[in-house]
Amino acid sequence: MEEVRNRGVRTYGLAGTEVDQILEPSLDDLLDPAAVRRLPRLRDGLFQDVPYFAVDGVQVWGATAMVLAEFLEIVGRATS
């Protein structure tokens, strides 16, 4: 596991088989409606529109996008 120091605050460990890089977008960037996009992906022989977050030029999708969406739902409820 490779250690990475980000912004001199925390040390993260990268699981090389699961993580390509660590991103630290601002909450405002994640809450921006333009950050959520859709992309057709082939699954089980069918194309499906899959939502993803566009973060710092990277497509964040799959389980990570689902966790982000749930987090933002909670944050949205707390701030409204």
Protein backbone atom coordinates (compact mmCIF):
# COMPACT_ATOMS: atom_id res chain seq x y z
CA MET A 1 0.00 0.00 0.00
CA GLU A 2 1.48 3.32 -1.10
CA GLU A 3 1.27 6.25 1.32
CA VAL A 4 0.33 9.64 -0.08
CA ARG A 5 0.38 12.93 1.78
CA ASN A 6 -2.31 15.31 0.58
CA ARG A 7 -2.27 18.99 1.52
CA GLY A 8 -0.04 18.20 4.49
CA VAL A 9 -3.10 17.26 6.55
CA ARG A 10 -3.80 13.55 6.21
CA THR A 11 -1.95 10.49 5.10
CA TYR A 12 -3.91 8.11 2.89
CA GLY A 13 -3.08 4.60 1.81
CA LEU A 14 -3.77 3.61 -1.78
CA ALA A 15 -5.00 0.09 -2.46
CA GLY A 16 -3.42 -0.26 -5.89
CA THR A 17 -5.97 -2.76 -7.15
CA GLU A 18 -8.92 -0.53 -6.24
CA VAL A 19 -7.77 3.10 -6.31
CA ASP A 20 -6.12 4.95 -9.18
CA GLN A 21 -5.77 8.26 -7.38
CA ILE A 22 -7.12 10.33 -4.51
CA LEU A 23 -9.27 13.34 -5.34
CA GLU A 24 -10.27 16.06 -2.89
CA PRO A 25 -13.03 18.07 -4.55
CA SER A 26 -14.74 20.83 -2.63
CA LEU A 27 -18.27 20.29 -1.38
CA ASP A 28 -19.41 23.14 -3.64
CA ASP A 29 -17.93 21.34 -6.66
CA LEU A 30 -19.79 18.14 -5.78
CA LEU A 31 -23.07 19.98 -5.14
CA ASP A 32 -22.89 21.70 -8.54
CA PRO A 33 -25.60 20.07 -10.70
CA ALA A 34 -23.17 20.16 -13.65
CA ALA A 35 -20.93 17.69 -11.79
CA VAL A 36 -23.45 14.88 -12.27
CA ARG A 37 -23.41 13.48 -15.78
CA ARG A 38 -24.48 10.32 -17.58
CA LEU A 39 -22.54 7.99 -19.81
CA PRO A 40 -23.71 4.94 -21.80
CA ARG A 41 -21.92 1.80 -20.59
CA LEU A 42 -22.26 -1.73 -21.92
CA ARG A 43 -23.44 -4.20 -19.29
CA ASP A 44 -24.81 -7.67 -19.91
CA GLY A 45 -25.01 -6.92 -23.64
CA LEU A 46 -27.11 -3.78 -23.15
CA PHE A 47 -26.16 -0.13 -23.07
CA GLN A 48 -27.30 1.61 -19.91
CA ASP A 49 -27.04 5.28 -18.98
CA VAL A 50 -24.81 5.31 -15.93
CA PRO A 51 -24.52 8.40 -13.72
CA TYR A 52 -21.07 9.63 -12.72
CA PHE A 53 -19.47 12.66 -11.11
CA ALA A 54 -17.11 14.76 -13.21
CA VAL A 55 -14.44 15.71 -10.66
CA ASP A 56 -11.16 17.38 -11.58
CA GLY A 57 -11.36 15.93 -15.10
CA VAL A 58 -11.98 12.41 -13.79
CA GLN A 59 -15.11 10.26 -14.12
CA VAL A 60 -16.08 8.99 -10.67
CA TRP A 61 -18.64 6.22 -11.09
CA GLY A 62 -19.75 2.90 -9.66
CA ALA A 63 -19.83 2.35 -5.92
CA THR A 64 -17.85 5.54 -5.27
CA ALA A 65 -20.43 7.63 -7.13
CA MET A 66 -23.22 5.93 -5.20
CA VAL A 67 -21.55 6.74 -1.88
CA LEU A 68 -21.04 10.37 -2.99
CA ALA A 69 -24.69 10.66 -4.05
CA GLU A 70 -25.90 9.35 -0.68
CA PHE A 71 -23.53 11.70 1.16
CA LEU A 72 -24.75 14.69 -0.87
CA GLU A 73 -28.35 13.71 -0.18
CA ILE A 74 -27.64 13.84 3.56
CA VAL A 75 -25.73 17.13 3.24
CA GLY A 76 -28.57 18.63 1.19
CA ARG A 77 -31.12 17.69 3.82
CA ALA A 78 -28.94 19.15 6.58
CA THR A 79 -28.52 22.49 4.81
CA SER A 80 -32.11 23.01 3.65
